[in-house]
Protein backbone atom coordinates (compact mmCIF):
# COMPACT_ATOMS: atom_id res chain seq x y z
CA MET A 1 0.03 0.01 0.06
CA GLU A 2 2.89 2.37 0.76
CA GLY A 3 3.60 3.11 -3.01
CA LEU A 4 0.04 4.25 -3.76
CA PHE A 5 -0.80 7.91 -4.34
CA TYR A 6 -3.61 9.29 -2.26
CA ASN A 7 -5.08 12.74 -3.46
CA TYR A 8 -5.77 15.40 -0.94
CA GLY A 9 -9.58 15.17 -1.35
CA GLU A 10 -9.59 11.63 -0.51
CA PHE A 11 -7.42 11.93 2.41
CA GLU A 12 -9.87 15.02 3.60
CA GLN A 13 -12.78 12.49 3.48
CA HIS A 14 -11.15 10.15 5.61
CA LEU A 15 -10.18 12.73 8.17
CA ALA A 16 -13.63 14.06 8.34
CA ASP A 17 -14.82 10.46 8.75
CA LEU A 18 -13.04 10.20 11.84
CA ARG A 19 -15.23 12.56 13.57
CA SER A 20 -18.32 10.60 12.27
CA PRO A 21 -21.03 9.63 14.75
CA ASP A 22 -21.27 6.25 13.13
CA ARG A 23 -18.80 4.08 14.81
CA GLU A 24 -18.07 1.85 11.74
CA THR A 25 -17.41 4.84 9.39
CA CYS A 26 -14.82 5.89 11.94
CA ARG A 27 -13.12 2.67 12.36
CA LYS A 28 -13.05 2.30 8.59
CA ALA A 29 -11.39 5.77 8.29
CA ALA A 30 -8.87 4.75 10.85
CA ARG A 31 -7.96 1.67 9.26
CA THR A 32 -7.71 3.29 5.87
CA LEU A 33 -5.47 6.02 7.27
CA GLY A 34 -3.18 3.46 8.70
CA GLU A 35 -2.62 1.68 5.24
CA MET A 36 -1.80 4.92 4.01
CA GLY A 37 1.46 4.89 5.99
CA PRO A 38 3.50 8.17 6.42
CA LYS A 39 1.60 9.93 3.93
CA ALA A 40 -1.29 10.14 6.64
CA ALA A 41 0.81 11.88 9.19
CA PRO A 42 -1.52 14.87 9.29
CA ALA A 43 -4.09 12.51 10.53
CA VAL A 44 -2.13 11.80 13.80
CA PRO A 45 -3.45 14.46 15.89
CA ALA A 46 -7.20 13.55 15.27
CA LEU A 47 -6.28 9.69 15.47
CA LEU A 48 -4.74 10.54 18.89
CA GLY A 49 -8.05 12.19 20.08
CA LEU A 50 -9.82 8.89 19.40
CA LEU A 51 -7.68 7.16 22.11
CA LYS A 52 -9.80 9.10 24.37
CA ASP A 53 -13.06 8.03 22.99
CA LYS A 54 -15.51 7.03 25.64
CA THR A 55 -18.28 5.90 23.49
CA ASN A 56 -17.14 2.75 22.03
CA PRO A 57 -17.80 -0.37 24.02
CA GLY A 58 -14.71 -2.84 23.72
CA GLY A 59 -12.47 0.12 22.61
CA PHE A 60 -12.64 -0.72 19.07
CA ILE A 61 -12.28 2.85 17.75
CA ALA A 62 -9.39 3.42 20.24
CA GLY A 63 -7.87 0.04 19.06
CA ASP A 64 -8.37 1.11 15.39
CA ALA A 65 -6.68 4.54 16.13
CA HIS A 66 -3.86 2.93 18.05
CA ALA A 67 -2.84 0.55 14.98
CA ALA A 68 -3.38 3.27 12.61
CA ILE A 69 -0.69 5.56 14.49
CA VAL A 70 1.67 2.70 14.59
CA SER A 71 1.50 2.01 10.89
CA ILE A 72 1.68 5.95 10.00
CA GLY A 73 4.91 5.91 12.14
CA VAL A 74 3.88 9.16 13.86
CA PRO A 75 6.15 12.36 13.46
CA LEU A 76 6.27 12.67 17.16
CA ALA A 77 8.33 15.54 17.23
CA ALA A 78 5.40 17.78 16.18
CA ASP A 79 2.77 15.76 18.26
CA ILE A 80 4.32 15.50 21.75
CA PRO A 81 2.12 17.73 23.27
CA ALA A 82 -0.72 15.77 22.05
CA VAL A 83 0.65 12.65 23.23
CA ALA A 84 1.48 13.99 26.64
CA GLY A 85 -1.89 15.32 27.00
CA VAL A 86 -3.44 11.82 26.33
CA LEU A 87 -0.86 10.66 29.17
CA LYS A 88 -2.69 13.03 31.46
CA ASP A 89 -6.07 11.84 30.80
CA GLY A 90 -8.21 11.36 33.60
CA ASP A 91 -9.13 7.86 32.62
CA PRO A 92 -6.61 5.09 33.65
CA ARG A 93 -7.65 2.96 30.52
CA VAL A 94 -6.79 5.98 28.07
CA ARG A 95 -3.43 6.63 29.66
CA GLN A 96 -2.62 2.93 29.46
CA ASP A 97 -3.68 2.90 25.77
CA ALA A 98 -1.36 5.82 25.27
CA LEU A 99 1.65 4.04 26.98
CA HIS A 100 0.96 0.98 24.94
CA LEU A 101 0.88 3.20 21.90
CA LEU A 102 4.29 4.64 22.80
CA GLY A 103 5.57 1.08 23.62
CA ASN A 104 4.72 -0.14 20.06
CA LEU A 105 6.32 2.94 18.48
CA ALA A 106 9.30 2.45 20.68
CA TYR A 107 9.57 -1.21 19.31
CA LYS A 108 9.53 0.18 15.91
CA HIS A 109 11.09 3.51 16.09
CA THR A 110 13.80 3.02 18.86
CA SER A 111 16.16 5.72 17.48
CA ASP A 112 13.39 8.35 17.33
CA ASP A 113 14.72 11.43 19.47
CA ALA A 114 11.01 12.33 20.02
CA LEU A 115 10.18 9.11 21.86
CA GLU A 116 13.36 9.62 23.83
CA ARG A 117 11.68 13.12 24.86
CA MET A 118 8.69 11.37 26.16
CA VAL A 119 10.80 9.48 28.72
CA PRO A 120 10.28 12.31 31.56
CA GLU A 121 6.55 12.19 31.06
CA VAL A 122 6.77 8.23 31.46
CA ILE A 123 9.06 8.39 34.56
CA GLY A 124 6.09 9.81 36.64
CA MET A 125 3.89 7.06 35.65
CA LEU A 126 6.10 4.54 37.17
CA ALA A 127 4.96 5.87 40.62
CA SER A 128 1.24 5.22 39.68
CA ALA A 129 -0.84 3.50 42.21
CA ASP A 130 -2.19 1.26 39.11
CA TYR A 131 -0.45 -1.71 38.25
CA ALA A 132 -1.48 -1.84 34.51
CA THR A 133 -0.31 1.88 34.09
CA GLN A 134 3.14 0.88 35.71
CA SER A 135 3.50 -2.16 33.53
CA ALA A 136 2.82 -0.27 30.15
CA ALA A 137 5.31 2.32 31.22
CA ILE A 138 7.98 -0.16 31.93
CA ASN A 139 7.18 -1.64 28.58
CA PHE A 140 7.68 1.47 26.84
CA LEU A 141 11.03 2.22 28.56
CA ARG A 142 12.48 -1.15 27.94
CA TRP A 143 11.86 -0.94 24.20
CA LEU A 144 14.01 2.13 24.30
CA GLY A 145 16.92 0.34 25.77
CA PRO A 146 19.82 2.74 26.28
CA HIS A 147 17.98 5.71 25.58
CA ALA A 148 15.61 5.20 28.59
CA ALA A 149 18.78 5.65 30.84
CA PRO A 150 17.26 8.85 32.71
CA ALA A 151 14.69 6.42 33.98
CA SER A 152 17.27 4.30 35.65
CA ALA A 153 16.52 5.46 39.31
CA ALA A 154 12.76 5.16 39.03
CA LEU A 155 12.95 1.54 37.70
CA ALA A 156 15.38 0.47 40.51
CA ALA A 157 12.85 1.99 42.77
CA LEU A 158 10.41 -0.70 41.45
CA LEU A 159 12.77 -3.44 42.58
CA THR A 160 11.30 -3.30 45.91
CA HIS A 161 7.57 -3.26 44.84
CA THR A 162 5.19 -5.65 46.47
CA GLU A 163 4.18 -7.12 42.98
CA PRO A 164 6.84 -9.59 42.01
CA SER A 165 5.93 -8.90 38.15
CA LEU A 166 6.65 -5.58 38.32
CA ARG A 167 9.72 -6.22 39.81
CA TRP A 168 11.11 -8.54 37.24
CA GLN A 169 9.88 -6.16 34.64
CA ALA A 170 11.82 -3.48 35.97
CA ALA A 171 15.24 -5.63 36.46
CA GLU A 172 14.49 -6.50 32.57
CA ALA A 173 14.16 -2.97 31.64
CA LEU A 174 17.44 -1.96 33.48
CA GLY A 175 19.31 -4.93 31.82
CA LEU A 176 18.06 -3.40 28.28
CA ILE A 177 19.31 -0.08 29.31
CA GLY A 178 22.78 -1.53 29.88
CA PRO A 179 26.02 0.13 31.02
CA ALA A 180 24.19 3.66 31.11
CA ALA A 181 22.38 2.27 34.21
CA LYS A 182 25.38 1.47 36.16
CA HIS A 183 24.70 3.88 39.12
CA VAL A 184 21.68 1.43 40.13
CA ILE A 185 24.02 -1.79 40.50
CA PRO A 186 23.58 -1.62 44.31
CA ALA A 187 19.94 -1.78 44.03
CA LEU A 188 20.19 -4.81 41.61
CA ALA A 189 22.68 -6.57 43.98
CA ALA A 190 20.30 -6.17 46.69
CA ALA A 191 17.51 -7.57 44.50
CA MET A 192 19.46 -10.82 44.10
CA ALA A 193 18.04 -11.80 47.38
CA ASP A 194 14.53 -11.48 46.24
CA PRO A 195 12.32 -14.44 47.24
CA ASP A 196 10.91 -14.86 43.92
CA PRO A 197 13.09 -16.75 41.40
CA LYS A 198 11.88 -14.98 38.29
CA VAL A 199 12.77 -11.59 39.76
CA ARG A 200 16.36 -13.03 40.73
CA ALA A 201 16.74 -14.52 37.36
CA HIS A 202 16.27 -11.07 35.65
CA THR A 203 18.44 -9.23 38.15
CA ALA A 204 21.15 -11.53 37.37
CA ALA A 205 20.77 -10.94 33.81
CA ALA A 206 20.44 -7.34 34.47
CA LEU A 207 23.79 -7.31 36.39
CA LYS A 208 25.56 -9.11 33.67
CA SER A 209 24.26 -6.52 31.17
CA LEU A 210 25.35 -3.63 33.39
CA LYS A 211 28.74 -4.80 34.38
CA GLY A 212 29.47 -6.73 31.10
CA LYS A 213 30.36 -9.87 32.86
CA GLU A 214 28.85 -13.13 34.60
CA THR A 215 27.04 -12.68 37.60
CA LYS A 216 26.81 -15.51 40.36
């Protein structure tokens, strides 16, 4: 689909259809814009707005908008304020959707400077009282690898969380950051005494990554 030419009138119609009160028309427009790839970049702000949609049972509209944004690739440098706004939405489901979106974008566009500039916004979400939000935030950071180094201390703080899965996810993310997170080695060393074997395994792997040698 990437090589196809889309005229301006056709694009404008799809953009207008995103505002349609008919859910199927809206969903079809989102899917079509996603198929256009980077050529549909001007539609990203409108698609981001659909992540906040509260009217669709099952979140299908938000899901289609999410998939479209990932396919388009998002020129995030121009849309950081819009993404940051979604991250601050009062609905935890919307915040989680935005974090999952960032995670998928980070997976595909790890070297994007604009994604790195989202790290400060996401660091604050690691301290959320909501497990799903914290997990989604870690997932975004893990895909950034070394580019997520500013989040190292906040991730290390999760190594003592009451939820084992968050502890091992944090350890895994630190391992993917690598030597840039060397200052949290003491916290990882302490986590080697964790009662959960999966946490200890991910912690050992993280220490190996940070130190560049085998950790017993």
